Protein backbone atom coordinates (compact mmCIF):
# COMPACT_ATOMS: atom_id res chain seq x y z
CA MET A 1 112.51 119.14 120.46
CA THR A 2 114.42 116.44 119.19
CA ALA A 3 113.22 113.91 121.66
CA ARG A 4 109.55 115.16 121.76
CA LEU A 5 109.85 114.95 117.75
CA ARG A 6 110.64 111.67 117.51
CA ALA A 7 108.04 110.50 119.87
CA ALA A 8 105.60 112.13 117.71
CA ALA A 9 106.90 110.33 114.76
CA VAL A 10 106.39 106.52 116.35
CA ALA A 11 103.07 107.73 117.81
CA LEU A 12 101.48 108.61 114.59
CA LEU A 13 103.04 105.98 113.03
CA LEU A 14 101.21 103.60 115.47
CA TRP A 15 98.05 105.33 115.14
CA ILE A 16 97.73 105.92 111.43
CA GLY A 17 98.56 102.77 111.01
CA PRO A 18 98.61 100.71 107.40
CA ALA A 19 97.73 102.52 104.13
CA TYR A 20 94.90 100.43 103.37
CA ALA A 21 92.07 99.31 105.69
CA ALA A 22 90.07 97.45 102.95
CA GLN A 23 89.91 98.07 99.30
CA SER A 24 88.22 101.05 97.49
CA THR A 25 87.07 101.67 94.19
CA ASN A 26 89.13 104.96 94.20
CA PRO A 27 92.31 104.55 95.04
CA PRO A 28 94.18 107.40 96.20
CA PRO A 29 96.26 110.18 94.98
CA PRO A 30 99.88 108.97 95.37
CA LEU A 31 101.66 110.83 98.10
CA THR A 32 104.25 114.03 96.66
CA ASN A 33 106.79 115.80 97.69
CA THR A 34 104.80 119.13 96.74
CA ARG A 35 101.70 117.83 98.30
CA TYR A 36 99.46 120.36 96.32
CA ASP A 37 98.60 118.22 93.40
CA GLU A 38 97.02 115.59 96.13
CA ASP A 39 93.18 115.80 95.23
CA TYR A 40 91.17 113.89 98.25
CA ARG A 41 87.86 115.41 97.43
CA TYR A 42 86.57 111.99 95.90
CA LEU A 43 86.48 110.78 99.52
CA LEU A 44 83.48 113.22 100.26
CA SER A 45 81.68 110.50 99.01
CA PRO A 46 80.83 107.73 101.97
CA GLU A 47 81.16 104.94 99.45
CA ALA A 48 84.35 106.06 98.55
CA ARG A 49 86.40 105.68 101.73
CA SER A 50 88.05 102.25 102.25
CA GLY A 51 88.35 102.94 106.27
CA ALA A 52 92.03 103.50 106.15
CA SER A 53 92.58 105.68 109.39
CA TRP A 54 94.42 108.43 107.29
CA GLU A 55 91.17 109.35 105.61
CA ARG A 56 89.65 111.53 108.33
CA PHE A 57 92.27 114.00 107.89
CA LYS A 58 91.40 114.51 104.08
CA ALA A 59 88.12 116.17 102.58
CA ILE A 60 86.82 117.36 105.42
CA PRO A 61 83.65 119.09 104.83
CA VAL A 62 83.45 122.84 105.94
CA THR A 63 79.81 123.28 104.68
CA PRO A 64 77.40 120.79 105.04
CA ASP A 65 77.26 119.97 101.52
CA GLY A 66 80.93 119.46 101.06
CA PHE A 67 80.95 122.68 98.47
CA ALA A 68 84.00 123.85 100.95
CA SER A 69 86.44 120.72 102.31
CA LEU A 70 89.79 120.89 103.83
CA SER A 71 92.64 118.37 103.49
CA THR A 72 95.21 118.20 106.16
CA GLY A 73 98.47 116.21 106.12
CA LEU A 74 102.15 116.22 107.53
CA GLU A 75 105.66 115.14 106.32
CA LEU A 76 108.16 113.90 108.92
CA ARG A 77 111.90 113.22 107.96
CA LEU A 78 114.29 112.17 110.59
CA ARG A 79 117.99 112.31 108.91
CA GLY A 80 121.65 111.45 110.31
CA GLU A 81 125.16 111.94 108.07
CA ALA A 82 128.48 111.70 108.70
CA ILE A 83 130.95 112.77 106.55
CA ARG A 84 135.11 112.73 106.43
CA ASN A 85 137.41 114.96 104.25
CA SER A 86 134.61 117.35 103.31
CA GLY A 87 135.49 119.16 100.46
CA TRP A 88 138.67 116.71 99.75
CA GLY A 89 139.99 118.45 103.15
CA GLN A 90 139.87 122.01 102.37
CA ASP A 91 136.50 122.37 104.05
CA GLU A 92 136.12 123.10 108.07
CA PRO A 93 134.92 121.51 109.86
CA ARG A 94 136.62 118.47 107.94
CA ASN A 95 134.70 115.84 109.37
CA ASP A 96 131.49 116.09 110.89
CA ALA A 97 128.71 113.83 112.17
CA TYR A 98 125.06 114.98 112.89
CA GLY A 99 121.51 114.72 112.62
CA LEU A 100 118.77 116.81 110.73
CA TRP A 101 114.97 116.94 111.23
CA ARG A 102 112.11 118.56 109.81
CA ALA A 103 108.25 118.73 109.62
CA LEU A 104 105.85 119.84 107.34
CA PRO A 105 102.43 120.09 108.19
CA TYR A 106 99.83 121.33 105.52
CA ALA A 107 96.36 122.69 105.04
CA ASP A 108 94.37 122.37 101.88
CA LEU A 109 91.12 124.53 101.79
CA ARG A 110 89.07 123.95 97.99
CA VAL A 111 85.67 125.83 97.81
CA GLY A 112 84.12 124.45 95.02
CA GLU A 113 85.82 124.53 91.29
CA SER A 114 87.13 127.65 91.56
CA LEU A 115 89.15 128.61 94.66
CA ARG A 116 91.46 126.84 96.77
CA LEU A 117 93.97 128.16 99.19
CA PHE A 118 97.01 126.27 100.63
CA GLY A 119 99.17 126.78 103.43
CA GLN A 120 102.49 124.43 104.47
CA LEU A 121 104.68 125.37 107.22
CA ILE A 122 108.35 124.12 107.75
CA MET A 123 110.05 123.18 111.01
CA ALA A 124 113.67 121.99 110.52
CA ASP A 125 116.99 122.02 112.38
CA ALA A 126 120.15 120.41 112.67
CA VAL A 127 121.26 118.28 115.72
CA GLY A 128 125.28 118.41 116.59
CA LYS A 129 126.35 120.11 113.53
CA LEU A 130 129.36 121.91 113.53
CA ASP A 131 129.15 125.45 112.44
CA PRO A 132 128.79 126.86 110.18
CA LEU A 133 125.36 125.86 109.08
CA ALA A 134 124.18 125.91 105.42
CA PRO A 135 120.95 127.71 104.69
CA PRO A 136 119.18 124.62 103.65
CA ASP A 137 120.23 123.16 107.28
CA ALA A 138 117.68 125.05 109.71
CA ASP A 139 113.84 126.77 109.24
CA ARG A 140 112.89 126.74 112.74
CA ILE A 141 109.25 128.02 112.17
CA ASP A 142 108.44 129.24 108.77
CA LEU A 143 105.71 129.37 105.89
CA MET A 144 107.17 126.91 103.50
CA GLN A 145 104.10 127.29 101.00
CA GLY A 146 101.31 129.78 101.15
CA PHE A 147 99.13 130.47 98.07
CA ALA A 148 95.86 130.83 96.28
CA ASP A 149 94.50 129.27 93.22
CA LEU A 150 91.75 130.79 90.74
CA ASN A 151 90.25 128.54 88.53
CA ALA A 152 88.13 129.48 85.64
CA PRO A 153 87.33 127.38 82.23
CA LEU A 154 89.36 129.06 79.00
CA GLY A 155 86.77 127.90 76.10
CA GLU A 156 87.68 124.47 75.83
CA ALA A 157 90.96 125.03 78.38
CA GLN A 158 90.83 125.20 81.60
CA GLY A 159 92.78 127.60 83.14
CA THR A 160 94.37 128.10 86.97
CA LEU A 161 96.38 131.36 88.54
CA ARG A 162 98.28 130.54 91.34
CA VAL A 163 99.97 133.33 93.55
CA GLY A 164 101.92 133.14 96.85
CA ARG A 165 104.60 131.23 98.38
CA GLN A 166 105.11 127.75 96.45
CA MET A 167 107.65 125.29 95.28
CA LEU A 168 108.05 125.01 91.77
CA ALA A 169 109.13 121.69 90.10
CA TYR A 170 109.43 121.29 86.13
CA GLY A 171 110.70 117.82 84.46
CA SER A 172 113.48 115.98 86.00
CA GLU A 173 114.24 119.03 88.08
CA ARG A 174 117.58 119.81 86.47
CA LEU A 175 117.13 123.31 85.97
CA ILE A 176 113.89 123.95 88.56
CA SER A 177 113.60 121.74 91.55
CA ILE A 178 112.11 122.45 95.03
CA ARG A 179 115.78 120.71 96.59
CA TYR A 180 113.84 117.70 98.33
CA GLY A 181 116.60 116.33 99.35
CA ALA A 182 118.18 118.97 101.60
CA ASN A 183 116.64 119.61 105.01
CA VAL A 184 115.18 122.54 103.92
CA PRO A 185 113.86 122.57 100.54
CA ARG A 186 113.15 125.25 97.99
CA ALA A 187 110.61 127.75 97.37
CA PHE A 188 109.60 130.80 95.53
CA ASP A 189 107.39 133.75 96.13
CA ALA A 190 105.94 133.45 92.65
CA VAL A 191 102.83 134.10 89.91
CA LYS A 192 101.80 131.25 88.09
CA GLY A 193 99.48 130.20 85.16
CA ILE A 194 98.62 126.60 84.44
CA VAL A 195 96.46 126.23 81.21
CA THR A 196 95.12 122.75 80.19
CA ALA A 197 93.95 121.78 76.76
CA GLY A 198 93.67 118.15 75.52
CA PRO A 199 97.07 116.90 76.09
CA TRP A 200 99.19 119.60 76.69
CA ARG A 201 99.65 121.56 79.84
CA VAL A 202 101.28 124.84 79.71
CA ASP A 203 102.63 126.60 82.60
CA ALA A 204 104.16 130.50 82.99
CA PHE A 205 105.71 131.96 86.16
CA PHE A 206 107.72 134.97 87.40
CA GLY A 207 109.54 134.10 91.08
CA ARG A 208 112.24 134.60 93.06
CA PRO A 209 113.76 132.43 95.49
CA VAL A 210 112.86 132.31 99.19
CA GLN A 211 116.23 132.31 101.06
CA PRO A 212 115.59 130.40 104.30
CA THR A 213 117.45 131.67 107.71
CA PRO A 214 117.03 129.70 110.95
CA GLU A 215 114.77 132.19 112.95
CA LEU A 216 111.52 131.94 113.52
CA PHE A 217 109.27 133.76 110.52
CA ASP A 218 111.88 135.47 108.81
CA ASP A 219 112.61 133.83 105.63
CA GLY A 220 112.39 136.57 102.67
CA ARG A 221 112.98 136.49 98.81
CA ASP A 222 116.38 136.66 97.17
CA ALA A 223 116.56 140.45 96.28
CA LYS A 224 119.43 139.29 93.60
CA ARG A 225 118.00 136.35 91.97
CA SER A 226 114.65 136.00 89.64
CA ALA A 227 113.31 133.28 87.46
CA TRP A 228 110.62 133.47 84.81
CA GLY A 229 109.69 130.84 82.07
CA LEU A 230 107.40 129.02 79.92
CA TYR A 231 107.10 125.11 80.44
CA ALA A 232 104.66 122.76 78.11
CA THR A 233 104.43 119.09 78.64
CA ARG A 234 102.60 116.22 76.88
CA PRO A 235 102.10 112.65 76.87
CA LEU A 236 102.86 110.56 73.25
CA ASP A 237 101.04 107.93 71.72
CA LEU A 238 103.84 105.42 71.37
CA GLY A 239 101.78 102.89 69.48
CA TRP A 240 103.37 99.69 70.54
CA GLY A 241 102.72 99.91 73.84
CA GLY A 242 104.51 102.09 77.10
CA SER A 243 104.15 105.38 77.57
CA ALA A 244 106.27 108.56 76.84
CA GLY A 245 106.30 112.04 77.35
CA LEU A 246 107.70 115.54 75.65
CA ASP A 247 108.70 118.79 77.18
CA ALA A 248 109.56 122.21 75.70
CA TYR A 249 110.51 125.07 77.53
CA TYR A 250 112.10 128.40 77.90
CA ILE A 251 113.30 130.02 81.39
CA GLY A 252 114.79 133.10 82.16
CA TYR A 253 117.22 133.96 84.68
CA ARG A 254 118.89 136.76 86.47
CA ASN A 255 121.47 137.08 89.29
CA ARG A 256 122.86 140.80 89.74
CA ARG A 257 126.15 139.12 91.48
CA ALA A 258 127.09 136.53 89.83
CA GLY A 259 130.37 134.87 90.08
CA PHE A 260 132.53 132.46 87.99
CA ASP A 261 136.16 131.21 87.03
CA ALA A 262 135.96 134.32 84.58
CA GLY A 263 134.90 137.13 87.14
CA ARG A 264 131.79 138.53 88.77
CA ALA A 265 129.02 140.33 87.28
CA ASN A 266 125.55 141.03 86.42
CA GLU A 267 123.73 137.67 84.42
CA LEU A 268 121.03 137.71 82.46
CA ARG A 269 120.63 134.15 80.98
CA HIS A 270 117.70 132.39 78.66
CA THR A 271 117.48 128.58 78.53
CA LEU A 272 116.03 126.38 75.77
CA GLY A 273 115.23 123.00 76.07
CA LEU A 274 113.70 119.80 74.99
CA ARG A 275 113.22 116.71 76.86
CA SER A 276 111.97 113.12 76.13
CA PHE A 277 111.54 110.36 78.59
CA GLY A 278 109.11 107.20 78.47
CA LYS A 279 109.03 103.26 79.32
CA ALA A 280 108.16 100.28 77.38
CA ASP A 281 109.28 96.99 76.94
CA GLY A 282 111.29 96.85 80.19
CA TRP A 283 113.26 100.28 78.67
CA ASP A 284 112.95 103.55 80.15
CA TRP A 285 114.54 106.79 78.97
CA ASN A 286 115.23 110.64 80.11
CA TRP A 287 117.14 112.56 77.61
CA GLU A 288 117.24 116.46 77.68
CA ALA A 289 118.96 118.92 75.70
CA MET A 290 119.05 122.58 76.97
CA GLY A 291 121.07 125.56 75.12
CA GLN A 292 121.98 129.09 76.81
CA PHE A 293 122.48 132.53 75.82
CA GLY A 294 122.13 135.78 77.32
CA ARG A 295 124.81 138.60 78.76
CA PHE A 296 127.56 138.42 81.65
CA GLY A 297 128.42 142.02 82.21
CA SER A 298 129.15 143.81 79.18
CA GLY A 299 129.75 140.21 77.39
CA SER A 300 127.70 137.76 75.83
CA ILE A 301 126.59 133.98 77.36
CA ARG A 302 126.76 130.79 75.16
CA ALA A 303 126.38 127.62 76.80
CA TRP A 304 125.03 124.35 76.23
CA SER A 305 124.27 120.98 78.02
CA PHE A 306 123.16 117.30 77.08
CA ALA A 307 122.06 115.02 79.86
CA THR A 308 120.74 111.52 79.53
CA ASP A 309 119.25 108.68 81.67
CA SER A 310 118.68 105.28 80.08
CA GLY A 311 117.72 101.63 81.42
CA TYR A 312 116.57 97.97 80.96
CA ARG A 313 115.02 96.26 83.82
CA PHE A 314 115.45 92.18 83.63
CA THR A 315 111.64 91.42 84.71
CA ASP A 316 112.14 87.61 84.22
CA LEU A 317 115.54 87.43 86.30
CA PRO A 318 115.89 86.64 89.93
CA LEU A 319 115.94 90.36 91.78
CA GLN A 320 114.60 92.27 88.77
CA PRO A 321 117.85 93.65 87.82
CA ARG A 322 118.05 97.12 86.32
CA LEU A 323 120.69 98.04 84.06
CA GLY A 324 121.17 101.87 84.38
CA LEU A 325 123.48 104.85 82.42
CA LYS A 326 123.78 108.16 82.80
CA ALA A 327 126.00 110.36 80.48
CA ASN A 328 126.12 114.04 80.88
CA ILE A 329 127.83 117.20 79.08
CA ALA A 330 127.79 120.53 80.52
CA SER A 331 130.10 123.39 79.21
CA GLY A 332 132.92 125.25 80.49
CA ASP A 333 134.30 128.41 79.58
CA GLY A 334 137.29 128.08 76.93
CA ASN A 335 138.69 131.36 77.44
CA PRO A 336 137.79 133.08 80.98
CA ARG A 337 139.90 136.01 79.79
CA ASP A 338 137.97 137.14 76.47
CA ASP A 339 134.16 138.70 76.42
CA ARG A 340 132.12 135.18 76.22
CA LEU A 341 131.00 133.30 79.12
CA GLU A 342 130.50 129.48 78.10
CA THR A 343 129.76 127.65 81.64
CA PHE A 344 126.65 126.29 81.75
CA ASN A 345 124.34 127.27 84.48
CA PRO A 346 121.44 124.78 85.90
CA LEU A 347 119.89 127.65 87.75
CA PHE A 348 118.00 125.61 90.72
CA PRO A 349 118.82 122.28 90.15
CA ARG A 350 118.03 119.48 92.50
CA ALA A 351 119.90 118.45 95.97
CA LYS A 352 120.92 114.85 95.04
CA TYR A 353 122.10 115.83 91.94
CA PHE A 354 124.70 113.00 91.34
CA GLY A 355 123.81 110.86 94.34
CA GLU A 356 123.51 110.72 98.40
CA LEU A 357 126.84 112.80 97.81
CA THR A 358 127.49 115.89 95.47
CA PRO A 359 130.24 117.56 96.59
CA ILE A 360 130.60 119.12 92.88
CA GLY A 361 127.70 120.32 90.32
CA PRO A 362 126.82 120.34 86.62
CA PHE A 363 129.04 123.01 85.46
CA ASN A 364 131.96 122.64 83.24
CA LEU A 365 131.52 118.79 83.59
CA MET A 366 131.43 115.42 81.77
CA ASN A 367 130.22 112.32 83.57
CA LEU A 368 129.56 108.58 83.23
CA HIS A 369 127.35 106.93 85.34
CA PRO A 370 126.46 103.34 85.44
CA SER A 371 124.34 101.82 88.00
CA LEU A 372 122.95 98.47 88.99
CA ASP A 373 119.05 98.22 90.70
CA LEU A 374 117.99 95.14 92.49
CA ALA A 375 114.65 94.59 93.85
CA LEU A 376 115.57 92.52 97.05
CA SER A 377 111.70 92.26 98.18
CA ASP A 378 108.81 94.11 97.69
CA ALA A 379 109.79 96.56 100.50
CA PHE A 380 113.78 96.36 100.07
CA SER A 381 116.02 97.40 97.07
CA LEU A 382 119.86 97.76 96.64
CA SER A 383 121.25 100.71 94.27
CA ALA A 384 124.93 100.41 93.62
CA SER A 385 126.88 103.20 90.80
CA ALA A 386 130.23 104.47 90.00
CA ILE A 387 130.54 107.77 88.67
CA ALA A 388 133.64 109.05 86.50
CA PHE A 389 133.79 112.84 86.31
CA TRP A 390 135.93 115.01 83.85
CA ARG A 391 136.15 118.62 82.91
CA GLU A 392 134.82 119.76 79.91
CA SER A 393 137.14 122.57 79.23
CA LEU A 394 140.24 122.62 80.84
CA ASP A 395 140.38 126.66 81.24
CA ASP A 396 137.42 126.45 83.13
CA GLY A 397 137.28 125.41 86.75
CA VAL A 398 134.94 123.14 89.36
CA TYR A 399 131.96 124.24 90.98
CA ASP A 400 129.59 123.14 93.96
CA LEU A 401 125.77 122.96 93.32
CA THR A 402 124.61 126.57 94.03
CA GLY A 403 127.19 127.65 91.86
CA GLY A 404 130.15 128.41 94.27
CA LEU A 405 133.94 128.14 92.70
CA LEU A 406 135.40 125.35 94.13
CA ARG A 407 138.82 125.05 92.26
CA SER A 408 140.05 127.47 89.75
CA GLY A 409 140.64 126.24 85.82
CA SER A 410 143.97 128.22 86.01
CA ALA A 411 145.56 125.56 88.87
CA SER A 412 146.05 122.30 86.62
CA LYS A 413 145.56 121.32 82.99
CA ALA A 414 144.30 117.91 84.00
CA ARG A 415 141.02 117.08 82.71
CA TYR A 416 140.12 114.04 85.00
CA VAL A 417 138.23 115.43 88.30
CA GLY A 418 137.70 112.23 90.08
CA THR A 419 135.49 108.90 90.52
CA GLN A 420 132.48 108.50 92.99
CA GLY A 421 130.82 105.39 94.20
CA GLU A 422 127.65 104.27 96.32
CA LEU A 423 125.49 101.96 97.58
CA VAL A 424 121.53 102.80 98.75
CA LEU A 425 119.28 100.51 100.68
CA SER A 426 115.79 101.50 100.71
CA TYR A 427 112.76 100.29 101.96
CA SER A 428 109.57 101.41 101.27
CA SER A 429 106.58 100.00 103.36
CA GLY A 430 102.99 100.65 102.15
CA ARG A 431 101.98 104.42 101.62
CA SER A 432 103.40 106.27 104.47
CA PHE A 433 106.72 105.32 105.18
CA GLU A 434 110.03 105.17 103.71
CA GLY A 435 113.61 105.28 104.47
CA LEU A 436 117.26 104.50 103.13
CA ILE A 437 120.99 103.86 104.69
CA SER A 438 123.61 104.95 101.89
CA TYR A 439 127.61 104.91 101.66
CA SER A 440 129.44 106.86 99.50
CA LEU A 441 132.80 107.49 98.71
CA PHE A 442 134.78 110.36 96.39
CA GLN A 443 138.11 109.65 95.38
CA PRO A 444 139.99 112.75 93.83
CA GLY A 445 141.54 112.89 90.52
CA SER A 446 144.22 114.26 88.83
CA PHE A 447 142.76 118.15 88.81
CA LEU A 448 141.89 117.92 92.44
CA LYS A 449 145.31 116.81 93.28
CA ASP A 450 146.87 119.41 91.51
CA SER A 451 144.80 121.97 92.36
CA GLY A 452 144.76 121.73 96.35
CA PRO A 453 143.93 119.18 98.88
CA ALA A 454 143.00 116.12 97.67
CA LYS A 455 141.91 113.29 100.41
CA THR A 456 139.03 110.87 99.70
CA ILE A 457 135.64 112.02 100.79
CA HIS A 458 133.71 109.43 102.56
CA PHE A 459 130.01 109.81 103.48
CA ALA A 460 127.51 108.26 104.99
CA GLY A 461 123.50 108.39 105.61
CA MET A 462 120.10 107.18 106.94
CA GLU A 463 117.14 109.00 106.55
CA ALA A 464 113.42 108.09 107.59
CA VAL A 465 110.54 109.56 105.94
CA PHE A 466 106.64 109.44 107.34
CA LYS A 467 103.85 111.19 105.27
CA PHE A 468 99.94 110.78 105.52
């Protein structure tokens, strides 16, 4: 299967060819990770076509007048990973090297302006990986997305009702993410309403995450967890150039079997958040503040987080370097024995949260993350970063990205968790192809040394992604 997939990927790369064969007055929409936001109906007009070979798969008339049209597409990803001292030496297997592949074909049927049907399959597996496989590693054939949109005017606003299996992603994907970096992305069985009015877009949703399993068409919804919320976003006029935006949101979350260092119980959590983001005069920023409250068993929840990502690009210098700094803090539980849980929960975070290597998640954590990005050429870029991690509360533990407790806070009173370093060489060719090679290491700090095995993690990754 893997050899045939590689051969098919090479054939598609040669057949589809470059993204553009000629200039067009209608530039195509950017290729996205979710794919459902791409609208190719402008290609129903022959004069809008540039002659690029991928256009034959888009906006195919189903009715002679084009009232109903079909777009199709595909993502292929091949990835190799090697890890040494997984979990700082406490995981089994500690050392492993393996391949991952996935294919995500989709079809998008639009009928006028009122009805839309979107379907996407996933075929994904791991090659040569030692057991046990994690749920995001393999899903040999299943429904990744399958939903219907019903569009209707709401006075001067526009409304959309979306029902079915769908990827959900909001803002910086710190709380609701499609988990794109994992081999199997995250989907929800959900109902979502979208209202666009003037500069505002407001989403309301309720859903349960889909639990991937390896066999054919057997994925089901997670009966323990659910999420619902309101998310509003709008662009802002800076007046002096650049672009900016503001998000405001509420997200509700329930986990009937939640576990923290304080214990295990039913969790009902509410998150209120604000996000400011933008670019202007070489600067870019993405700042987000989140507060959480609710119930954990018979006790209460009070938690918070503040995350920043700021940078400046020197466009007049060789290689156009960008200096960046991320600074994040997520609260931890000050007293696991009382009736108040203070551990921040990132709910459904993105997969590569702190980089290609992410052995710990944003629970009870503080970190500083300086970085340097260089544009080596039009196609190649190089990123170097270092991250220092500390515990926010000395009485709470360290967690993985899914919320699993890695080390209990009772094992040590040390604050310093460790330091991570990473180099990533990225390549992007035209519209359809991108790839990367990465090397990361995580050197344990005093808390990890006090609480268990503490060997340095080494991680190398390589991937190629093709989309049309």
